[in-house]
C-alpha atoms as a PDB file:
ATOM      1  CA  MET A   1      38.446  19.159  15.765  1.00  0.00           C
ATOM      2  CA  LYS A   2      36.508  21.016  17.599  1.00  0.00           C
ATOM      3  CA  ASN A   3      33.920  22.250  14.420  1.00  0.00           C
ATOM      4  CA  LEU A   4      34.210  18.428  13.156  1.00  0.00           C
ATOM      5  CA  LYS A   5      32.726  17.614  17.058  1.00  0.00           C
ATOM      6  CA  LEU A   6      29.792  20.616  16.247  1.00  0.00           C
ATOM      7  CA  THR A   7      29.290  19.521  12.606  1.00  0.00           C
ATOM      8  CA  PHE A   8      28.308  15.746  13.879  1.00  0.00           C
ATOM      9  CA  ALA A   9      26.585  17.150  17.027  1.00  0.00           C
ATOM     10  CA  PHE A  10      24.266  18.694  14.630  1.00  0.00           C
ATOM     11  CA  LEU A  11      23.660  16.028  12.330  1.00  0.00           C
ATOM     12  CA  LEU A  12      23.046  13.796  15.614  1.00  0.00           C
ATOM     13  CA  ILE A  13      20.269  16.615  16.358  1.00  0.00           C
ATOM     14  CA  ALA A  14      18.780  16.860  12.967  1.00  0.00           C
ATOM     15  CA  THR A  15      18.935  13.703  12.329  1.00  0.00           C
ATOM     16  CA  PHE A  16      16.602  12.852  15.652  1.00  0.00           C
ATOM     17  CA  SER A  17      14.759  15.720  15.178  1.00  0.00           C
ATOM     18  CA  PHE A  18      13.776  13.657  11.801  1.00  0.00           C
ATOM     19  CA  ALA A  19      13.578  10.511  12.685  1.00  0.00           C
ATOM     20  CA  GLN A  20      10.409  11.782  15.691  1.00  0.00           C
ATOM     21  CA  ALA A  21       8.602  13.959  12.919  1.00  0.00           C
ATOM     22  CA  PRO A  22       4.673  12.506  13.058  1.00  0.00           C
ATOM     23  CA  ILE A  23       3.832  10.391   9.806  1.00  0.00           C
ATOM     24  CA  LYS A  24       1.391  13.512   8.298  1.00  0.00           C
ATOM     25  CA  VAL A  25      -2.057  11.464   7.563  1.00  0.00           C
ATOM     26  CA  ALA A  26      -5.279  13.943   5.164  1.00  0.00           C
ATOM     27  CA  CYS A  27      -8.860  13.176   5.706  1.00  0.00           C
ATOM     28  CA  VAL A  28     -10.258  14.004   2.561  1.00  0.00           C
ATOM     29  CA  GLY A  29     -14.007  13.775   2.531  1.00  0.00           C
ATOM     30  CA  ASN A  30     -18.165  15.270   2.522  1.00  0.00           C
ATOM     31  CA  SER A  31     -19.499  15.113   5.589  1.00  0.00           C
ATOM     32  CA  ILE A  32     -18.838  10.737   6.961  1.00  0.00           C
ATOM     33  CA  THR A  33     -15.258  12.416   7.269  1.00  0.00           C
ATOM     34  CA  GLN A  34     -16.038  15.883   8.620  1.00  0.00           C
ATOM     35  CA  GLY A  35     -18.194  14.095  11.293  1.00  0.00           C
ATOM     36  CA  PRO A  36     -20.256  15.038  14.307  1.00  0.00           C
ATOM     37  CA  GLY A  37     -17.190  18.683  13.799  1.00  0.00           C
ATOM     38  CA  ARG A  38     -13.630  18.767  12.231  1.00  0.00           C
ATOM     39  CA  ASP A  39     -11.982  18.870  15.940  1.00  0.00           C
ATOM     40  CA  ASN A  40     -14.921  16.018  17.533  1.00  0.00           C
ATOM     41  CA  PRO A  41     -12.919  12.938  19.264  1.00  0.00           C
ATOM     42  CA  ASP A  42     -15.900  11.136  18.017  1.00  0.00           C
ATOM     43  CA  SER A  43     -15.480  12.197  14.295  1.00  0.00           C
ATOM     44  CA  TYR A  44     -13.289   8.832  11.839  1.00  0.00           C
ATOM     45  CA  PRO A  45     -10.393  10.971  11.869  1.00  0.00           C
ATOM     46  CA  LEU A  46      -9.795  12.383  15.872  1.00  0.00           C
ATOM     47  CA  GLN A  47     -10.589   7.734  16.784  1.00  0.00           C
ATOM     48  CA  MET A  48      -8.098   7.469  14.275  1.00  0.00           C
ATOM     49  CA  GLN A  49      -5.741   9.719  15.684  1.00  0.00           C
ATOM     50  CA  ALA A  50      -6.524   7.620  19.121  1.00  0.00           C
ATOM     51  CA  ILE A  51      -5.447   4.637  18.123  1.00  0.00           C
ATOM     52  CA  LEU A  52      -2.750   4.816  16.260  1.00  0.00           C
ATOM     53  CA  GLY A  53      -0.739   7.748  19.008  1.00  0.00           C
ATOM     54  CA  ASP A  54       1.662  10.173  18.732  1.00  0.00           C
ATOM     55  CA  ASP A  55       3.108   9.168  16.235  1.00  0.00           C
ATOM     56  CA  TYR A  56       1.236   9.769  13.571  1.00  0.00           C
ATOM     57  CA  GLN A  57      -0.585  13.355  12.499  1.00  0.00           C
ATOM     58  CA  VAL A  58      -3.635  13.127  11.723  1.00  0.00           C
ATOM     59  CA  GLY A  59      -5.666  16.249   9.846  1.00  0.00           C
ATOM     60  CA  ASN A  60      -9.275  16.242   9.146  1.00  0.00           C
ATOM     61  CA  PHE A  61     -10.211  17.981   5.920  1.00  0.00           C
ATOM     62  CA  GLY A  62     -13.543  16.553   5.745  1.00  0.00           C
ATOM     63  CA  VAL A  63     -16.505  19.203   3.673  1.00  0.00           C
ATOM     64  CA  SER A  64     -19.488  18.370   4.474  1.00  0.00           C
ATOM     65  CA  GLY A  65     -22.295  18.192   0.765  1.00  0.00           C
ATOM     66  CA  ARG A  66     -19.268  18.077  -1.000  1.00  0.00           C
ATOM     67  CA  THR A  67     -18.200  15.904  -4.197  1.00  0.00           C
ATOM     68  CA  LEU A  68     -15.740  14.473  -5.747  1.00  0.00           C
ATOM     69  CA  LEU A  69     -16.996  16.235  -8.992  1.00  0.00           C
ATOM     70  CA  ARG A  70     -15.660  19.805 -10.888  1.00  0.00           C
ATOM     71  CA  LYS A  71     -19.349  20.077 -11.990  1.00  0.00           C
ATOM     72  CA  GLY A  72     -21.026  19.266  -8.891  1.00  0.00           C
ATOM     73  CA  ASP A  73     -23.270  21.161  -6.371  1.00  0.00           C
ATOM     74  CA  PHE A  74     -20.643  21.394  -4.167  1.00  0.00           C
ATOM     75  CA  PRO A  75     -17.853  20.695  -5.398  1.00  0.00           C
ATOM     76  CA  TYR A  76     -14.320  20.444  -3.089  1.00  0.00           C
ATOM     77  CA  TRP A  77     -11.907  21.094  -5.232  1.00  0.00           C
ATOM     78  CA  ASN A  78     -14.005  25.446  -4.390  1.00  0.00           C
ATOM     79  CA  GLU A  79     -13.369  24.511  -1.039  1.00  0.00           C
ATOM     80  CA  PRO A  80     -10.465  26.276   1.390  1.00  0.00           C
ATOM     81  CA  GLN A  81      -9.741  22.269   2.675  1.00  0.00           C
ATOM     82  CA  PHE A  82      -8.681  22.055  -1.076  1.00  0.00           C
ATOM     83  CA  GLN A  83      -5.307  24.041   0.330  1.00  0.00           C
ATOM     84  CA  GLU A  84      -5.098  23.410   3.700  1.00  0.00           C
ATOM     85  CA  VAL A  85      -4.278  19.288   1.902  1.00  0.00           C
ATOM     86  CA  LYS A  86      -2.128  20.236  -0.250  1.00  0.00           C
ATOM     87  CA  ASP A  87      -0.448  23.282   2.583  1.00  0.00           C
ATOM     88  CA  PHE A  88      -0.437  19.662   5.084  1.00  0.00           C
ATOM     89  CA  ALA A  89       1.765  17.627   2.314  1.00  0.00           C
ATOM     90  CA  ALA A  90       0.396  14.826   3.532  1.00  0.00           C
ATOM     91  CA  ASP A  91       3.067  11.528   3.864  1.00  0.00           C
ATOM     92  CA  VAL A  92      -0.400   9.144   3.756  1.00  0.00           C
ATOM     93  CA  LEU A  93      -3.796  11.058   1.994  1.00  0.00           C
ATOM     94  CA  ILE A  94      -7.404   9.337   2.539  1.00  0.00           C
ATOM     95  CA  ILE A  95      -9.304   9.722  -0.451  1.00  0.00           C
ATOM     96  CA  MET A  96     -13.344   9.080  -0.053  1.00  0.00           C
ATOM     97  CA  LEU A  97     -15.699  10.837  -1.768  1.00  0.00           C
ATOM     98  CA  GLY A  98     -18.288  10.338  -3.882  1.00  0.00           C
ATOM     99  CA  THR A  99     -21.236  10.216  -2.074  1.00  0.00           C
ATOM    100  CA  ASN A 100     -22.738  13.284  -2.711  1.00  0.00           C
ATOM    101  CA  ASP A 101     -21.499  12.819  -6.212  1.00  0.00           C
ATOM    102  CA  SER A 102     -24.007  10.343  -6.965  1.00  0.00           C
ATOM    103  CA  LYS A 103     -26.851  12.491  -6.546  1.00  0.00           C
ATOM    104  CA  PRO A 104     -29.343  13.012  -9.184  1.00  0.00           C
ATOM    105  CA  GLN A 105     -28.172  16.584  -9.765  1.00  0.00           C
ATOM    106  CA  ASN A 106     -24.271  15.658  -9.756  1.00  0.00           C
ATOM    107  CA  TRP A 107     -24.458  11.913 -11.443  1.00  0.00           C
ATOM    108  CA  LYS A 108     -25.129  13.047 -14.474  1.00  0.00           C
ATOM    109  CA  PHE A 109     -21.573  13.941 -14.654  1.00  0.00           C
ATOM    110  CA  ALA A 110     -20.966   9.614 -13.725  1.00  0.00           C
ATOM    111  CA  SER A 111     -18.533   9.728 -17.421  1.00  0.00           C
ATOM    112  CA  GLU A 112     -16.840  12.772 -16.004  1.00  0.00           C
ATOM    113  CA  PHE A 113     -16.043  11.264 -12.780  1.00  0.00           C
ATOM    114  CA  ARG A 114     -13.217   8.987 -13.000  1.00  0.00           C
ATOM    115  CA  GLN A 115     -11.180  11.691 -14.124  1.00  0.00           C
ATOM    116  CA  ASP A 116     -11.423  14.397 -12.110  1.00  0.00           C
ATOM    117  CA  TYR A 117     -11.071  11.772  -9.429  1.00  0.00           C
ATOM    118  CA  LEU A 118      -7.518  10.964 -11.248  1.00  0.00           C
ATOM    119  CA  ASP A 119      -6.986  14.572 -11.322  1.00  0.00           C
ATOM    120  CA  MET A 120      -7.070  15.144  -7.664  1.00  0.00           C
ATOM    121  CA  ILE A 121      -5.371  12.653  -6.909  1.00  0.00           C
ATOM    122  CA  HIS A 122      -2.484  14.327  -8.858  1.00  0.00           C
ATOM    123  CA  GLU A 123      -2.933  17.209  -7.966  1.00  0.00           C
ATOM    124  CA  PHE A 124      -2.201  16.050  -4.101  1.00  0.00           C
ATOM    125  CA  LYS A 125       0.640  13.627  -4.957  1.00  0.00           C
ATOM    126  CA  LYS A 126       2.836  17.091  -6.242  1.00  0.00           C
ATOM    127  CA  THR A 127       2.126  18.604  -2.169  1.00  0.00           C
ATOM    128  CA  MET A 128       3.522  14.267  -0.865  1.00  0.00           C
ATOM    129  CA  PRO A 129       6.576  13.098  -0.260  1.00  0.00           C
ATOM    130  CA  VAL A 130       7.990  10.442  -3.211  1.00  0.00           C
ATOM    131  CA  ASP A 131       7.136   7.608  -1.575  1.00  0.00           C
ATOM    132  CA  GLY A 132       4.152   9.306  -0.320  1.00  0.00           C
ATOM    133  CA  LYS A 133       1.091   6.901  -0.469  1.00  0.00           C
ATOM    134  CA  VAL A 134      -2.562   8.242  -1.071  1.00  0.00           C
ATOM    135  CA  TYR A 135      -5.359   5.400  -0.679  1.00  0.00           C
ATOM    136  CA  VAL A 136      -8.861   5.011  -2.468  1.00  0.00           C
ATOM    137  CA  ILE A 137     -11.718   4.436  -0.617  1.00  0.00           C
ATOM    138  CA  LEU A 138     -15.088   2.119  -1.232  1.00  0.00           C
ATOM    139  CA  PRO A 139     -17.720   4.451   0.944  1.00  0.00           C
ATOM    140  CA  VAL A 140     -19.915   2.613   3.452  1.00  0.00           C
ATOM    141  CA  PRO A 141     -22.972   1.597   1.915  1.00  0.00           C
ATOM    142  CA  VAL A 142     -26.383   3.767   1.377  1.00  0.00           C
ATOM    143  CA  THR A 143     -29.477   1.191   2.476  1.00  0.00           C
ATOM    144  CA  ARG A 144     -32.037   4.055   1.599  1.00  0.00           C
ATOM    145  CA  VAL A 145     -32.557   6.732  -0.528  1.00  0.00           C
ATOM    146  CA  ASN A 146     -32.163   9.854   1.709  1.00  0.00           C
ATOM    147  CA  PHE A 147     -30.382  13.926   0.699  1.00  0.00           C
ATOM    148  CA  GLY A 148     -30.943  12.184  -2.960  1.00  0.00           C
ATOM    149  CA  ILE A 149     -28.295  10.288  -2.553  1.00  0.00           C
ATOM    150  CA  THR A 150     -28.247   7.184  -4.659  1.00  0.00           C
ATOM    151  CA  PRO A 151     -27.923   3.346  -3.127  1.00  0.00           C
ATOM    152  CA  ASP A 152     -27.948   1.696  -6.360  1.00  0.00           C
ATOM    153  CA  VAL A 153     -25.346   4.662  -8.564  1.00  0.00           C
ATOM    154  CA  MET A 154     -23.076   4.667  -4.756  1.00  0.00           C
ATOM    155  CA  ASN A 155     -23.344   0.622  -3.853  1.00  0.00           C
ATOM    156  CA  ASN A 156     -23.472  -0.773  -7.814  1.00  0.00           C
ATOM    157  CA  GLU A 157     -21.803   1.882 -10.052  1.00  0.00           C
ATOM    158  CA  GLN A 158     -19.085   4.151  -8.039  1.00  0.00           C
ATOM    159  CA  ARG A 159     -17.929   1.061  -6.252  1.00  0.00           C
ATOM    160  CA  LEU A 160     -17.085  -0.712  -9.727  1.00  0.00           C
ATOM    161  CA  MET A 161     -15.611   2.213 -10.731  1.00  0.00           C
ATOM    162  CA  LEU A 162     -13.281   3.454  -7.812  1.00  0.00           C
ATOM    163  CA  ILE A 163     -11.770   0.344  -7.743  1.00  0.00           C
ATOM    164  CA  ASP A 164     -11.315   1.026 -11.025  1.00  0.00           C
ATOM    165  CA  ILE A 165      -9.746   4.233 -10.248  1.00  0.00           C
ATOM    166  CA  ALA A 166      -7.069   3.963  -7.779  1.00  0.00           C
ATOM    167  CA  HIS A 167      -5.279   0.816 -10.027  1.00  0.00           C
ATOM    168  CA  GLU A 168      -5.173   3.556 -12.346  1.00  0.00           C
ATOM    169  CA  SER A 169      -3.661   5.681 -10.179  1.00  0.00           C
ATOM    170  CA  GLY A 170      -1.555   3.654  -7.813  1.00  0.00           C
ATOM    171  CA  SER A 171      -3.391   3.985  -5.246  1.00  0.00           C
ATOM    172  CA  GLU A 172      -3.888   1.379  -2.234  1.00  0.00           C
ATOM    173  CA  LEU A 173      -7.738   0.600  -1.700  1.00  0.00           C
ATOM    174  CA  ILE A 174      -9.552   0.199   1.447  1.00  0.00           C
ATOM    175  CA  ASP A 175     -12.630  -1.763   1.595  1.00  0.00           C
ATOM    176  CA  LEU A 176     -15.250   0.189   4.164  1.00  0.00           C
ATOM    177  CA  TYR A 177     -18.293  -1.223   2.426  1.00  0.00           C
ATOM    178  CA  THR A 178     -18.368  -4.423   3.134  1.00  0.00           C
ATOM    179  CA  PRO A 179     -17.328  -4.226   6.711  1.00  0.00           C
ATOM    180  CA  PHE A 180     -20.593  -2.323   7.119  1.00  0.00           C
ATOM    181  CA  MET A 181     -23.202  -4.771   5.043  1.00  0.00           C
ATOM    182  CA  GLY A 182     -25.929  -5.860   6.802  1.00  0.00           C
ATOM    183  CA  LYS A 183     -24.872  -3.929   9.664  1.00  0.00           C
ATOM    184  CA  GLU A 184     -27.631  -0.917   8.909  1.00  0.00           C
ATOM    185  CA  ASP A 185     -28.346  -0.430  12.393  1.00  0.00           C
ATOM    186  CA  LEU A 186     -24.258   1.850  12.237  1.00  0.00           C
ATOM    187  CA  LEU A 187     -26.334   3.950   9.339  1.00  0.00           C
ATOM    188  CA  PRO A 188     -29.715   5.385  11.355  1.00  0.00           C
ATOM    189  CA  ASP A 189     -30.196   7.468   7.833  1.00  0.00           C
ATOM    190  CA  GLY A 190     -29.352   5.165   5.919  1.00  0.00           C
ATOM    191  CA  VAL A 191     -26.130   7.447   4.355  1.00  0.00           C
ATOM    192  CA  HIS A 192     -23.952   8.775   8.098  1.00  0.00           C
ATOM    193  CA  PRO A 193     -22.465   5.810  10.100  1.00  0.00           C
ATOM    194  CA  ASN A 194     -23.567   6.602  14.313  1.00  0.00           C
ATOM    195  CA  THR A 195     -20.361   7.284  16.591  1.00  0.00           C
ATOM    196  CA  GLU A 196     -19.378   2.729  16.629  1.00  0.00           C
ATOM    197  CA  GLY A 197     -19.835   3.305  12.820  1.00  0.00           C
ATOM    198  CA  LEU A 198     -17.345   5.745  13.315  1.00  0.00           C
ATOM    199  CA  GLY A 199     -15.119   3.401  14.865  1.00  0.00           C
ATOM    200  CA  ILE A 200     -14.776   0.923  12.845  1.00  0.00           C
ATOM    201  CA  MET A 201     -14.021   3.186   9.987  1.00  0.00           C
ATOM    202  CA  ALA A 202     -11.479   4.642  11.735  1.00  0.00           C
ATOM    203  CA  ARG A 203     -10.491   1.095  13.221  1.00  0.00           C
ATOM    204  CA  VAL A 204     -10.193  -0.305   9.072  1.00  0.00           C
ATOM    205  CA  ILE A 205      -8.044   2.490   8.129  1.00  0.00           C
ATOM    206  CA  ALA A 206      -5.858   2.371  10.800  1.00  0.00           C
ATOM    207  CA  ARG A 207      -5.089  -1.136  10.416  1.00  0.00           C
ATOM    208  CA  ALA A 208      -4.599  -0.943   5.951  1.00  0.00           C
ATOM    209  CA  ILE A 209      -2.133   2.395   7.200  1.00  0.00           C
ATOM    210  CA  ARG A 210       0.005   0.245   9.110  1.00  0.00           C
ATOM    211  CA  LEU A 211       0.829  -2.517   6.947  1.00  0.00           C
END
């Protein structure tokens, strides 16, 4: 009887601990995700952490200048953060890559973008729970050519591809393009959102996660 009570007590403790485990959210991306710094409270992942509260654990795995394309000039695949995302074993995965892929030296491999994206989702899902959720992001608009990043590719070609990728992979789609339309002042250099813009991103994504 004593052993039975002890077993029951341990089960209760284990159940309580499991129930209290935060939902882990991994934010994969480039400089827009990295923001002023991975540990900077102005970055969209940390602004989102503040919105979501202690029930969530948000990890910023953004790396400036990185591409989704394996043959891009600086592939995210080759960064330590790629493995860190796997080790994090996220319940929720946010992928916002593609902006640097629009550069001419990278977009010449545009025919491989779709498959590389699907492969990345597949790689990360291996370390996620069966009921884990993946969100593909339609990035903020690019309002002018800067850093070699091309508005026409981003705002037209790639956006349509991302919709198809989300559908084929069974992922959810989050639109960050529409909330920035007509708000060029939130993108001072035509590419990167300012602090207010990063806050809009955080709110839109947080709302989608909690639905």
